[in-house]
PDB file of N, CA and C in Angstrom:
ATOM      1  N   MET A   1     -11.596  23.610  32.473  1.00  0.00           N
ATOM      2  CA  MET A   1     -12.013  23.795  31.103  1.00  0.00           C
ATOM      3  C   MET A   1     -10.829  23.761  30.132  1.00  0.00           C
ATOM      4  N   PHE A   2      -9.689  24.295  30.557  1.00  0.00           N
ATOM      5  CA  PHE A   2      -8.537  24.402  29.662  1.00  0.00           C
ATOM      6  C   PHE A   2      -7.561  23.241  29.788  1.00  0.00           C
ATOM      7  N   LYS A   3      -7.797  22.321  30.690  1.00  0.00           N
ATOM      8  CA  LYS A   3      -6.837  21.242  30.880  1.00  0.00           C
ATOM      9  C   LYS A   3      -6.793  20.269  29.711  1.00  0.00           C
ATOM     10  N   ASN A   4      -7.795  20.194  28.855  1.00  0.00           N
ATOM     11  CA  ASN A   4      -7.793  19.296  27.708  1.00  0.00           C
ATOM     12  C   ASN A   4      -7.255  19.948  26.434  1.00  0.00           C
ATOM     13  N   LEU A   5      -6.836  21.201  26.514  1.00  0.00           N
ATOM     14  CA  LEU A   5      -6.320  21.894  25.332  1.00  0.00           C
ATOM     15  C   LEU A   5      -5.047  21.255  24.807  1.00  0.00           C
ATOM     16  N   ASN A   6      -4.187  20.783  25.705  1.00  0.00           N
ATOM     17  CA  ASN A   6      -2.950  20.139  25.245  1.00  0.00           C
ATOM     18  C   ASN A   6      -3.278  18.882  24.449  1.00  0.00           C
ATOM     19  N   GLY A   7      -4.210  18.086  24.929  1.00  0.00           N
ATOM     20  CA  GLY A   7      -4.630  16.887  24.214  1.00  0.00           C
ATOM     21  C   GLY A   7      -5.258  17.226  22.876  1.00  0.00           C
ATOM     22  N   PHE A   8      -6.046  18.281  22.851  1.00  0.00           N
ATOM     23  CA  PHE A   8      -6.682  18.715  21.611  1.00  0.00           C
ATOM     24  C   PHE A   8      -5.635  19.209  20.612  1.00  0.00           C
ATOM     25  N   ALA A   9      -4.647  19.944  21.097  1.00  0.00           N
ATOM     26  CA  ALA A   9      -3.572  20.436  20.224  1.00  0.00           C
ATOM     27  C   ALA A   9      -2.790  19.267  19.639  1.00  0.00           C
ATOM     28  N   GLN A  10      -2.527  18.260  20.452  1.00  0.00           N
ATOM     29  CA  GLN A  10      -1.809  17.078  19.974  1.00  0.00           C
ATOM     30  C   GLN A  10      -2.629  16.340  18.926  1.00  0.00           C
ATOM     31  N   LEU A  11      -3.947  16.249  19.157  1.00  0.00           N
ATOM     32  CA  LEU A  11      -4.840  15.606  18.202  1.00  0.00           C
ATOM     33  C   LEU A  11      -4.807  16.336  16.859  1.00  0.00           C
ATOM     34  N   LEU A  12      -4.845  17.661  16.884  1.00  0.00           N
ATOM     35  CA  LEU A  12      -4.786  18.446  15.650  1.00  0.00           C
ATOM     36  C   LEU A  12      -3.451  18.241  14.936  1.00  0.00           C
ATOM     37  N   LYS A  13      -2.374  18.191  15.690  1.00  0.00           N
ATOM     38  CA  LYS A  13      -1.051  17.985  15.100  1.00  0.00           C
ATOM     39  C   LYS A  13      -0.972  16.612  14.436  1.00  0.00           C
ATOM     40  N   THR A  14      -1.490  15.601  15.112  1.00  0.00           N
ATOM     41  CA  THR A  14      -1.485  14.240  14.568  1.00  0.00           C
ATOM     42  C   THR A  14      -2.347  14.163  13.314  1.00  0.00           C
ATOM     43  N   ALA A  15      -3.515  14.776  13.354  1.00  0.00           N
ATOM     44  CA  ALA A  15      -4.409  14.769  12.193  1.00  0.00           C
ATOM     45  C   ALA A  15      -3.755  15.463  11.007  1.00  0.00           C
ATOM     46  N   SER A  16      -3.048  16.541  11.263  1.00  0.00           N
ATOM     47  CA  SER A  16      -2.365  17.260  10.193  1.00  0.00           C
ATOM     48  C   SER A  16      -1.275  16.403   9.562  1.00  0.00           C
ATOM     49  N   SER A  17      -0.492  15.730  10.376  1.00  0.00           N
ATOM     50  CA  SER A  17       0.578  14.895   9.829  1.00  0.00           C
ATOM     51  C   SER A  17       0.002  13.679   9.115  1.00  0.00           C
ATOM     52  N   MET A  18      -1.132  13.152   9.572  1.00  0.00           N
ATOM     53  CA  MET A  18      -1.769  12.017   8.894  1.00  0.00           C
ATOM     54  C   MET A  18      -2.258  12.439   7.509  1.00  0.00           C
ATOM     55  N   GLY A  19      -2.745  13.666   7.397  1.00  0.00           N
ATOM     56  CA  GLY A  19      -3.176  14.164   6.088  1.00  0.00           C
ATOM     57  C   GLY A  19      -2.028  14.168   5.103  1.00  0.00           C
ATOM     58  N   GLU A  20      -0.870  14.599   5.554  1.00  0.00           N
ATOM     59  CA  GLU A  20       0.322  14.585   4.707  1.00  0.00           C
ATOM     60  C   GLU A  20       0.718  13.158   4.348  1.00  0.00           C
ATOM     61  N   ARG A  21       0.645  12.277   5.332  1.00  0.00           N
ATOM     62  CA  ARG A  21       1.023  10.878   5.108  1.00  0.00           C
ATOM     63  C   ARG A  21       0.078  10.218   4.107  1.00  0.00           C
ATOM     64  N   VAL A  22      -1.218  10.504   4.209  1.00  0.00           N
ATOM     65  CA  VAL A  22      -2.195   9.954   3.266  1.00  0.00           C
ATOM     66  C   VAL A  22      -1.894  10.459   1.859  1.00  0.00           C
ATOM     67  N   LYS A  23      -1.529  11.712   1.740  1.00  0.00           N
ATOM     68  CA  LYS A  23      -1.174  12.277   0.434  1.00  0.00           C
ATOM     69  C   LYS A  23       0.050  11.560  -0.143  1.00  0.00           C
ATOM     70  N   GLU A  24       1.057  11.315   0.690  1.00  0.00           N
ATOM     71  CA  GLU A  24       2.257  10.595   0.255  1.00  0.00           C
ATOM     72  C   GLU A  24       1.916   9.174  -0.194  1.00  0.00           C
ATOM     73  N   ILE A  25       1.045   8.505   0.567  1.00  0.00           N
ATOM     74  CA  ILE A  25       0.651   7.136   0.223  1.00  0.00           C
ATOM     75  C   ILE A  25      -0.057   7.128  -1.123  1.00  0.00           C
ATOM     76  N   LYS A  26      -0.955   8.078  -1.327  1.00  0.00           N
ATOM     77  CA  LYS A  26      -1.695   8.144  -2.592  1.00  0.00           C
ATOM     78  C   LYS A  26      -0.737   8.363  -3.761  1.00  0.00           C
ATOM     79  N   GLU A  27       0.223   9.253  -3.587  1.00  0.00           N
ATOM     80  CA  GLU A  27       1.207   9.497  -4.647  1.00  0.00           C
ATOM     81  C   GLU A  27       2.036   8.241  -4.912  1.00  0.00           C
ATOM     82  N   SER A  28       2.421   7.556  -3.853  1.00  0.00           N
ATOM     83  CA  SER A  28       3.198   6.324  -3.987  1.00  0.00           C
ATOM     84  C   SER A  28       2.388   5.254  -4.722  1.00  0.00           C
ATOM     85  N   LEU A  29       1.133   5.095  -4.357  1.00  0.00           N
ATOM     86  CA  LEU A  29       0.275   4.111  -5.030  1.00  0.00           C
ATOM     87  C   LEU A  29       0.103   4.449  -6.502  1.00  0.00           C
ATOM     88  N   GLY A  30       0.055   5.723  -6.824  1.00  0.00           N
ATOM     89  CA  GLY A  30      -0.083   6.141  -8.217  1.00  0.00           C
ATOM     90  C   GLY A  30       1.112   5.743  -9.066  1.00  0.00           C
ATOM     91  N   ARG A  31       2.265   5.588  -8.426  1.00  0.00           N
ATOM     92  CA  ARG A  31       3.473   5.186  -9.154  1.00  0.00           C
ATOM     93  C   ARG A  31       3.605   3.669  -9.281  1.00  0.00           C
ATOM     94  N   GLU A  32       2.894   2.942  -8.443  1.00  0.00           N
ATOM     95  CA  GLU A  32       2.961   1.474  -8.465  1.00  0.00           C
ATOM     96  C   GLU A  32       2.188   0.933  -9.673  1.00  0.00           C
ATOM     97  N   ILE A  33       2.698  -0.135 -10.250  1.00  0.00           N
ATOM     98  CA  ILE A  33       2.040  -0.802 -11.377  1.00  0.00           C
ATOM     99  C   ILE A  33       1.963  -2.294 -11.060  1.00  0.00           C
ATOM    100  N   VAL A  34       0.784  -2.882 -11.255  1.00  0.00           N
ATOM    101  CA  VAL A  34       0.612  -4.320 -11.096  1.00  0.00           C
ATOM    102  C   VAL A  34       0.069  -4.883 -12.400  1.00  0.00           C
ATOM    103  N   ASN A  35       0.272  -6.170 -12.585  1.00  0.00           N
ATOM    104  CA  ASN A  35      -0.185  -6.826 -13.807  1.00  0.00           C
ATOM    105  C   ASN A  35      -1.065  -8.011 -13.464  1.00  0.00           C
ATOM    106  N   GLY A  36      -2.086  -8.187 -14.286  1.00  0.00           N
ATOM    107  CA  GLY A  36      -2.938  -9.354 -14.172  1.00  0.00           C
ATOM    108  C   GLY A  36      -3.015 -10.008 -15.532  1.00  0.00           C
ATOM    109  N   SER A  37      -3.239 -11.303 -15.541  1.00  0.00           N
ATOM    110  CA  SER A  37      -3.355 -11.992 -16.822  1.00  0.00           C
ATOM    111  C   SER A  37      -4.335 -13.145 -16.684  1.00  0.00           C
ATOM    112  N   ALA A  38      -4.788 -13.621 -17.820  1.00  0.00           N
ATOM    113  CA  ALA A  38      -5.716 -14.749 -17.849  1.00  0.00           C
ATOM    114  C   ALA A  38      -5.533 -15.493 -19.160  1.00  0.00           C
ATOM    115  N   GLY A  39      -5.943 -16.756 -19.159  1.00  0.00           N
ATOM    116  CA  GLY A  39      -5.872 -17.555 -20.377  1.00  0.00           C
ATOM    117  C   GLY A  39      -4.459 -17.802 -20.840  1.00  0.00           C
ATOM    118  N   GLY A  40      -3.543 -18.022 -19.898  1.00  0.00           N
ATOM    119  CA  GLY A  40      -2.155 -18.241 -20.292  1.00  0.00           C
ATOM    120  C   GLY A  40      -1.563 -17.024 -20.977  1.00  0.00           C
ATOM    121  N   ASP A  41      -1.862 -15.853 -20.439  1.00  0.00           N
ATOM    122  CA  ASP A  41      -1.378 -14.560 -20.954  1.00  0.00           C
ATOM    123  C   ASP A  41      -2.039 -14.139 -22.262  1.00  0.00           C
ATOM    124  N   LEU A  42      -3.138 -14.762 -22.640  1.00  0.00           N
ATOM    125  CA  LEU A  42      -3.866 -14.292 -23.828  1.00  0.00           C
ATOM    126  C   LEU A  42      -4.425 -12.896 -23.591  1.00  0.00           C
ATOM    127  N   VAL A  43      -4.756 -12.608 -22.327  1.00  0.00           N
ATOM    128  CA  VAL A  43      -5.206 -11.269 -21.943  1.00  0.00           C
ATOM    129  C   VAL A  43      -4.316 -10.810 -20.798  1.00  0.00           C
ATOM    130  N   GLN A  44      -3.755  -9.619 -20.948  1.00  0.00           N
ATOM    131  CA  GLN A  44      -2.904  -9.032 -19.919  1.00  0.00           C
ATOM    132  C   GLN A  44      -3.394  -7.617 -19.649  1.00  0.00           C
ATOM    133  N   VAL A  45      -3.352  -7.245 -18.379  1.00  0.00           N
ATOM    134  CA  VAL A  45      -3.791  -5.909 -18.001  1.00  0.00           C
ATOM    135  C   VAL A  45      -2.763  -5.303 -17.048  1.00  0.00           C
ATOM    136  N   GLU A  46      -2.565  -4.015 -17.193  1.00  0.00           N
ATOM    137  CA  GLU A  46      -1.657  -3.262 -16.334  1.00  0.00           C
ATOM    138  C   GLU A  46      -2.499  -2.221 -15.599  1.00  0.00           C
ATOM    139  N   VAL A  47      -2.402  -2.218 -14.262  1.00  0.00           N
ATOM    140  CA  VAL A  47      -3.230  -1.345 -13.441  1.00  0.00           C
ATOM    141  C   VAL A  47      -2.336  -0.593 -12.465  1.00  0.00           C
ATOM    142  N   SER A  48      -2.635   0.690 -12.238  1.00  0.00           N
ATOM    143  CA  SER A  48      -1.877   1.465 -11.262  1.00  0.00           C
ATOM    144  C   SER A  48      -2.311   1.070  -9.857  1.00  0.00           C
ATOM    145  N   GLY A  49      -1.522   1.461  -8.885  1.00  0.00           N
ATOM    146  CA  GLY A  49      -1.850   1.190  -7.497  1.00  0.00           C
ATOM    147  C   GLY A  49      -3.098   1.906  -7.027  1.00  0.00           C
ATOM    148  N   LEU A  50      -3.595   2.831  -7.830  1.00  0.00           N
ATOM    149  CA  LEU A  50      -4.848   3.521  -7.522  1.00  0.00           C
ATOM    150  C   LEU A  50      -6.038   2.850  -8.192  1.00  0.00           C
ATOM    151  N   GLY A  51      -5.767   1.758  -8.912  1.00  0.00           N
ATOM    152  CA  GLY A  51      -6.856   1.027  -9.553  1.00  0.00           C
ATOM    153  C   GLY A  51      -7.215   1.523 -10.937  1.00  0.00           C
ATOM    154  N   GLU A  52      -6.371   2.339 -11.532  1.00  0.00           N
ATOM    155  CA  GLU A  52      -6.611   2.841 -12.887  1.00  0.00           C
ATOM    156  C   GLU A  52      -6.004   1.883 -13.902  1.00  0.00           C
ATOM    157  N   VAL A  53      -6.817   1.460 -14.861  1.00  0.00           N
ATOM    158  CA  VAL A  53      -6.312   0.569 -15.905  1.00  0.00           C
ATOM    159  C   VAL A  53      -5.427   1.396 -16.828  1.00  0.00           C
ATOM    160  N   ARG A  54      -4.176   0.944 -16.981  1.00  0.00           N
ATOM    161  CA  ARG A  54      -3.214   1.652 -17.832  1.00  0.00           C
ATOM    162  C   ARG A  54      -3.134   1.033 -19.219  1.00  0.00           C
ATOM    163  N   LYS A  55      -3.118  -0.300 -19.268  1.00  0.00           N
ATOM    164  CA  LYS A  55      -3.002  -0.995 -20.553  1.00  0.00           C
ATOM    165  C   LYS A  55      -3.815  -2.277 -20.502  1.00  0.00           C
ATOM    166  N   LEU A  56      -4.338  -2.641 -21.655  1.00  0.00           N
ATOM    167  CA  LEU A  56      -5.027  -3.907 -21.826  1.00  0.00           C
ATOM    168  C   LEU A  56      -4.514  -4.508 -23.116  1.00  0.00           C
ATOM    169  N   ARG A  57      -3.974  -5.717 -23.014  1.00  0.00           N
ATOM    170  CA  ARG A  57      -3.451  -6.390 -24.202  1.00  0.00           C
ATOM    171  C   ARG A  57      -4.241  -7.675 -24.418  1.00  0.00           C
ATOM    172  N   ILE A  58      -4.720  -7.843 -25.643  1.00  0.00           N
ATOM    173  CA  ILE A  58      -5.395  -9.077 -26.031  1.00  0.00           C
ATOM    174  C   ILE A  58      -4.563  -9.687 -27.143  1.00  0.00           C
ATOM    175  N   ALA A  59      -4.144 -10.925 -26.957  1.00  0.00           N
ATOM    176  CA  ALA A  59      -3.261 -11.586 -27.917  1.00  0.00           C
ATOM    177  C   ALA A  59      -3.899 -11.615 -29.299  1.00  0.00           C
ATOM    178  N   PRO A  60      -3.104 -11.345 -30.337  1.00  0.00           N
ATOM    179  CA  PRO A  60      -3.627 -11.345 -31.702  1.00  0.00           C
ATOM    180  C   PRO A  60      -4.332 -12.654 -32.078  1.00  0.00           C
ATOM    181  N   GLU A  61      -3.789 -13.779 -31.600  1.00  0.00           N
ATOM    182  CA  GLU A  61      -4.421 -15.056 -31.947  1.00  0.00           C
ATOM    183  C   GLU A  61      -5.824 -15.176 -31.359  1.00  0.00           C
ATOM    184  N   LEU A  62      -6.054 -14.552 -30.218  1.00  0.00           N
ATOM    185  CA  LEU A  62      -7.391 -14.558 -29.637  1.00  0.00           C
ATOM    186  C   LEU A  62      -8.328 -13.667 -30.451  1.00  0.00           C
ATOM    187  N   MET A  63      -7.803 -12.547 -30.909  1.00  0.00           N
ATOM    188  CA  MET A  63      -8.603 -11.638 -31.734  1.00  0.00           C
ATOM    189  C   MET A  63      -8.929 -12.281 -33.088  1.00  0.00           C
ATOM    190  N   GLU A  64      -7.964 -13.011 -33.646  1.00  0.00           N
ATOM    191  CA  GLU A  64      -8.171 -13.658 -34.942  1.00  0.00           C
ATOM    192  C   GLU A  64      -9.296 -14.688 -34.882  1.00  0.00           C
ATOM    193  N   LYS A  65      -9.390 -15.363 -33.736  1.00  0.00           N
ATOM    194  CA  LYS A  65     -10.458 -16.349 -33.570  1.00  0.00           C
ATOM    195  C   LYS A  65     -11.820 -15.680 -33.431  1.00  0.00           C
ATOM    196  N   ALA A  66     -11.799 -14.405 -33.086  1.00  0.00           N
ATOM    197  CA  ALA A  66     -13.033 -13.640 -32.873  1.00  0.00           C
ATOM    198  C   ALA A  66     -13.945 -14.358 -31.877  1.00  0.00           C
ATOM    199  N   ASP A  67     -13.335 -14.940 -30.847  1.00  0.00           N
ATOM    200  CA  ASP A  67     -14.086 -15.655 -29.824  1.00  0.00           C
ATOM    201  C   ASP A  67     -14.518 -14.661 -28.744  1.00  0.00           C
ATOM    202  N   VAL A  68     -15.622 -13.990 -29.018  1.00  0.00           N
ATOM    203  CA  VAL A  68     -16.109 -12.938 -28.136  1.00  0.00           C
ATOM    204  C   VAL A  68     -16.382 -13.476 -26.736  1.00  0.00           C
ATOM    205  N   GLU A  69     -16.975 -14.637 -26.648  1.00  0.00           N
ATOM    206  CA  GLU A  69     -17.302 -15.211 -25.343  1.00  0.00           C
ATOM    207  C   GLU A  69     -16.043 -15.424 -24.504  1.00  0.00           C
ATOM    208  N   MET A  70     -14.980 -15.945 -25.128  1.00  0.00           N
ATOM    209  CA  MET A  70     -13.722 -16.160 -24.396  1.00  0.00           C
ATOM    210  C   MET A  70     -13.132 -14.820 -23.963  1.00  0.00           C
ATOM    211  N   ILE A  71     -13.147 -13.832 -24.843  1.00  0.00           N
ATOM    212  CA  ILE A  71     -12.616 -12.503 -24.492  1.00  0.00           C
ATOM    213  C   ILE A  71     -13.408 -11.923 -23.320  1.00  0.00           C
ATOM    214  N   GLU A  72     -14.727 -12.073 -23.371  1.00  0.00           N
ATOM    215  CA  GLU A  72     -15.574 -11.552 -22.302  1.00  0.00           C
ATOM    216  C   GLU A  72     -15.311 -12.248 -20.969  1.00  0.00           C
ATOM    217  N   GLU A  73     -14.812 -13.458 -20.978  1.00  0.00           N
ATOM    218  CA  GLU A  73     -14.454 -14.162 -19.747  1.00  0.00           C
ATOM    219  C   GLU A  73     -13.048 -13.805 -19.270  1.00  0.00           C
ATOM    220  N   LEU A  74     -12.119 -13.681 -20.207  1.00  0.00           N
ATOM    221  CA  LEU A  74     -10.716 -13.474 -19.835  1.00  0.00           C
ATOM    222  C   LEU A  74     -10.417 -12.051 -19.374  1.00  0.00           C
ATOM    223  N   VAL A  75     -11.060 -11.059 -19.967  1.00  0.00           N
ATOM    224  CA  VAL A  75     -10.780  -9.666 -19.580  1.00  0.00           C
ATOM    225  C   VAL A  75     -11.124  -9.430 -18.104  1.00  0.00           C
ATOM    226  N   PRO A  76     -12.326  -9.779 -17.645  1.00  0.00           N
ATOM    227  CA  PRO A  76     -12.595  -9.577 -16.214  1.00  0.00           C
ATOM    228  C   PRO A  76     -11.686 -10.416 -15.310  1.00  0.00           C
ATOM    229  N   ALA A  77     -11.329 -11.614 -15.737  1.00  0.00           N
ATOM    230  CA  ALA A  77     -10.445 -12.452 -14.926  1.00  0.00           C
ATOM    231  C   ALA A  77      -9.083 -11.773 -14.749  1.00  0.00           C
ATOM    232  N   ALA A  78      -8.530 -11.221 -15.819  1.00  0.00           N
ATOM    233  CA  ALA A  78      -7.241 -10.527 -15.740  1.00  0.00           C
ATOM    234  C   ALA A  78      -7.358  -9.275 -14.877  1.00  0.00           C
ATOM    235  N   LEU A  79      -8.440  -8.528 -15.051  1.00  0.00           N
ATOM    236  CA  LEU A  79      -8.651  -7.320 -14.241  1.00  0.00           C
ATOM    237  C   LEU A  79      -8.785  -7.672 -12.764  1.00  0.00           C
ATOM    238  N   ASN A  80      -9.535  -8.704 -12.452  1.00  0.00           N
ATOM    239  CA  ASN A  80      -9.721  -9.092 -11.051  1.00  0.00           C
ATOM    240  C   ASN A  80      -8.405  -9.525 -10.414  1.00  0.00           C
ATOM    241  N   GLU A  81      -7.561 -10.192 -11.176  1.00  0.00           N
ATOM    242  CA  GLU A  81      -6.244 -10.583 -10.655  1.00  0.00           C
ATOM    243  C   GLU A  81      -5.426  -9.340 -10.311  1.00  0.00           C
ATOM    244  N   ALA A  82      -5.411  -8.367 -11.207  1.00  0.00           N
ATOM    245  CA  ALA A  82      -4.647  -7.138 -10.968  1.00  0.00           C
ATOM    246  C   ALA A  82      -5.236  -6.355  -9.792  1.00  0.00           C
ATOM    247  N   LEU A  83      -6.551  -6.268  -9.722  1.00  0.00           N
ATOM    248  CA  LEU A  83      -7.181  -5.502  -8.646  1.00  0.00           C
ATOM    249  C   LEU A  83      -6.959  -6.153  -7.281  1.00  0.00           C
ATOM    250  N   ALA A  84      -6.833  -7.465  -7.236  1.00  0.00           N
ATOM    251  CA  ALA A  84      -6.498  -8.146  -5.986  1.00  0.00           C
ATOM    252  C   ALA A  84      -5.110  -7.700  -5.521  1.00  0.00           C
ATOM    253  N   GLN A  85      -4.202  -7.532  -6.467  1.00  0.00           N
ATOM    254  CA  GLN A  85      -2.853  -7.062  -6.131  1.00  0.00           C
ATOM    255  C   GLN A  85      -2.895  -5.609  -5.656  1.00  0.00           C
ATOM    256  N   VAL A  86      -3.766  -4.803  -6.261  1.00  0.00           N
ATOM    257  CA  VAL A  86      -3.923  -3.403  -5.837  1.00  0.00           C
ATOM    258  C   VAL A  86      -4.411  -3.357  -4.385  1.00  0.00           C
ATOM    259  N   ARG A  87      -5.396  -4.180  -4.062  1.00  0.00           N
ATOM    260  CA  ARG A  87      -5.902  -4.214  -2.687  1.00  0.00           C
ATOM    261  C   ARG A  87      -4.785  -4.591  -1.713  1.00  0.00           C
ATOM    262  N   GLN A  88      -3.943  -5.538  -2.104  1.00  0.00           N
ATOM    263  CA  GLN A  88      -2.825  -5.938  -1.246  1.00  0.00           C
ATOM    264  C   GLN A  88      -1.842  -4.784  -1.063  1.00  0.00           C
ATOM    265  N   LEU A  89      -1.597  -4.026  -2.126  1.00  0.00           N
ATOM    266  CA  LEU A  89      -0.729  -2.841  -2.016  1.00  0.00           C
ATOM    267  C   LEU A  89      -1.299  -1.855  -0.997  1.00  0.00           C
ATOM    268  N   HIS A  90      -2.608  -1.658  -1.036  1.00  0.00           N
ATOM    269  CA  HIS A  90      -3.250  -0.727  -0.102  1.00  0.00           C
ATOM    270  C   HIS A  90      -3.049  -1.197   1.335  1.00  0.00           C
ATOM    271  N   VAL A  91      -3.220  -2.479   1.569  1.00  0.00           N
ATOM    272  CA  VAL A  91      -3.027  -3.035   2.914  1.00  0.00           C
ATOM    273  C   VAL A  91      -1.587  -2.801   3.366  1.00  0.00           C
ATOM    274  N   GLU A  92      -0.633  -3.086   2.482  1.00  0.00           N
ATOM    275  CA  GLU A  92       0.776  -2.908   2.830  1.00  0.00           C
ATOM    276  C   GLU A  92       1.102  -1.450   3.142  1.00  0.00           C
ATOM    277  N   LYS A  93       0.580  -0.527   2.335  1.00  0.00           N
ATOM    278  CA  LYS A  93       0.852   0.902   2.555  1.00  0.00           C
ATOM    279  C   LYS A  93       0.223   1.376   3.868  1.00  0.00           C
ATOM    280  N   MET A  94      -0.971   0.870   4.191  1.00  0.00           N
ATOM    281  CA  MET A  94      -1.610   1.268   5.441  1.00  0.00           C
ATOM    282  C   MET A  94      -0.834   0.711   6.629  1.00  0.00           C
ATOM    283  N   ARG A  95      -0.294  -0.485   6.490  1.00  0.00           N
ATOM    284  CA  ARG A  95       0.526  -1.052   7.574  1.00  0.00           C
ATOM    285  C   ARG A  95       1.790  -0.212   7.776  1.00  0.00           C
ATOM    286  N   GLU A  96       2.381   0.234   6.661  1.00  0.00           N
ATOM    287  CA  GLU A  96       3.554   1.110   6.758  1.00  0.00           C
ATOM    288  C   GLU A  96       3.183   2.397   7.478  1.00  0.00           C
ATOM    289  N   ALA A  97       2.033   2.964   7.119  1.00  0.00           N
ATOM    290  CA  ALA A  97       1.600   4.244   7.694  1.00  0.00           C
ATOM    291  C   ALA A  97       1.335   4.130   9.185  1.00  0.00           C
ATOM    292  N   THR A  98       0.911   2.943   9.631  1.00  0.00           N
ATOM    293  CA  THR A  98       0.622   2.753  11.052  1.00  0.00           C
ATOM    294  C   THR A  98       1.807   2.144  11.796  1.00  0.00           C
ATOM    295  N   GLY A  99       2.953   2.098  11.140  1.00  0.00           N
ATOM    296  CA  GLY A  99       4.153   1.572  11.775  1.00  0.00           C
ATOM    297  C   GLY A  99       4.083   0.079  12.031  1.00  0.00           C
ATOM    298  N   GLY A 100       3.355  -0.621  11.168  1.00  0.00           N
ATOM    299  CA  GLY A 100       3.244  -2.068  11.309  1.00  0.00           C
ATOM    300  C   GLY A 100       2.191  -2.504  12.308  1.00  0.00           C
ATOM    301  N   LEU A 101       1.485  -1.541  12.877  1.00  0.00           N
ATOM    302  CA  LEU A 101       0.436  -1.842  13.836  1.00  0.00           C
ATOM    303  C   LEU A 101      -0.678  -2.610  13.139  1.00  0.00           C
ATOM    304  N   GLU A 102      -1.016  -3.758  13.680  1.00  0.00           N
ATOM    305  CA  GLU A 102      -2.090  -4.571  13.115  1.00  0.00           C
ATOM    306  C   GLU A 102      -3.424  -3.990  13.547  1.00  0.00           C
ATOM    307  N   LEU A 103      -4.191  -3.503  12.593  1.00  0.00           N
ATOM    308  CA  LEU A 103      -5.507  -2.966  12.892  1.00  0.00           C
ATOM    309  C   LEU A 103      -6.555  -4.015  12.546  1.00  0.00           C
ATOM    310  N   PRO A 104      -7.322  -4.454  13.533  1.00  0.00           N
ATOM    311  CA  PRO A 104      -8.339  -5.465  13.267  1.00  0.00           C
ATOM    312  C   PRO A 104      -9.301  -4.991  12.174  1.00  0.00           C
ATOM    313  N   GLY A 105      -9.539  -5.854  11.204  1.00  0.00           N
ATOM    314  CA  GLY A 105     -10.486  -5.535  10.140  1.00  0.00           C
ATOM    315  C   GLY A 105      -9.903  -4.735   8.990  1.00  0.00           C
ATOM    316  N   LEU A 106      -8.599  -4.401   9.024  1.00  0.00           N
ATOM    317  CA  LEU A 106      -8.002  -3.597   7.957  1.00  0.00           C
ATOM    318  C   LEU A 106      -8.110  -4.289   6.610  1.00  0.00           C
ATOM    319  N   ASP A 107      -7.764  -5.562   6.566  1.00  0.00           N
ATOM    320  CA  ASP A 107      -7.842  -6.304   5.301  1.00  0.00           C
ATOM    321  C   ASP A 107      -9.272  -6.305   4.767  1.00  0.00           C
ATOM    322  N   ASP A 108     -10.237  -6.536   5.653  1.00  0.00           N
ATOM    323  CA  ASP A 108     -11.637  -6.563   5.230  1.00  0.00           C
ATOM    324  C   ASP A 108     -12.094  -5.191   4.761  1.00  0.00           C
ATOM    325  N   ALA A 109     -11.674  -4.138   5.446  1.00  0.00           N
ATOM    326  CA  ALA A 109     -12.081  -2.787   5.077  1.00  0.00           C
ATOM    327  C   ALA A 109     -11.556  -2.403   3.706  1.00  0.00           C
ATOM    328  N   LEU A 110     -10.343  -2.844   3.383  1.00  0.00           N
ATOM    329  CA  LEU A 110      -9.735  -2.489   2.105  1.00  0.00           C
ATOM    330  C   LEU A 110     -10.107  -3.451   0.993  1.00  0.00           C
ATOM    331  N   SER A 111     -10.738  -4.553   1.335  1.00  0.00           N
ATOM    332  CA  SER A 111     -11.084  -5.530   0.299  1.00  0.00           C
ATOM    333  C   SER A 111     -12.165  -5.026  -0.641  1.00  0.00           C
ATOM    334  N   GLY A 112     -12.893  -4.010  -0.244  1.00  0.00           N
ATOM    335  CA  GLY A 112     -13.941  -3.470  -1.098  1.00  0.00           C
ATOM    336  C   GLY A 112     -13.432  -2.469  -2.112  1.00  0.00           C
ATOM    337  N   LEU A 113     -12.133  -2.211  -2.136  1.00  0.00           N
ATOM    338  CA  LEU A 113     -11.582  -1.238  -3.091  1.00  0.00           C
ATOM    339  C   LEU A 113     -11.624  -1.761  -4.500  1.00  0.00           C
TER     340      LEU A 113
END
């Protein structure tokens, strides 16, 4: 009955250290900044590694034209570009956390972020 206690203790120790590592990764991602743009930089967006939009810039010349349809197309395009970079950051940080161990399906699992 008690022969698996050592394995259980090791599992608890590993889980505890992983919790700390996840916290460190989250803090690191919060400091990362990525940029996305669309329309030849008419729309630029700055997003944190956690996926929080920090800044959105729309070129004055685009605003002057009052081309709502173009703005409505360019803003999501710029955001999607930045969010693709955020997803890549997550993959890289998870690879670091696993010591470079390739986990099957990791890219797919993080692609929904």
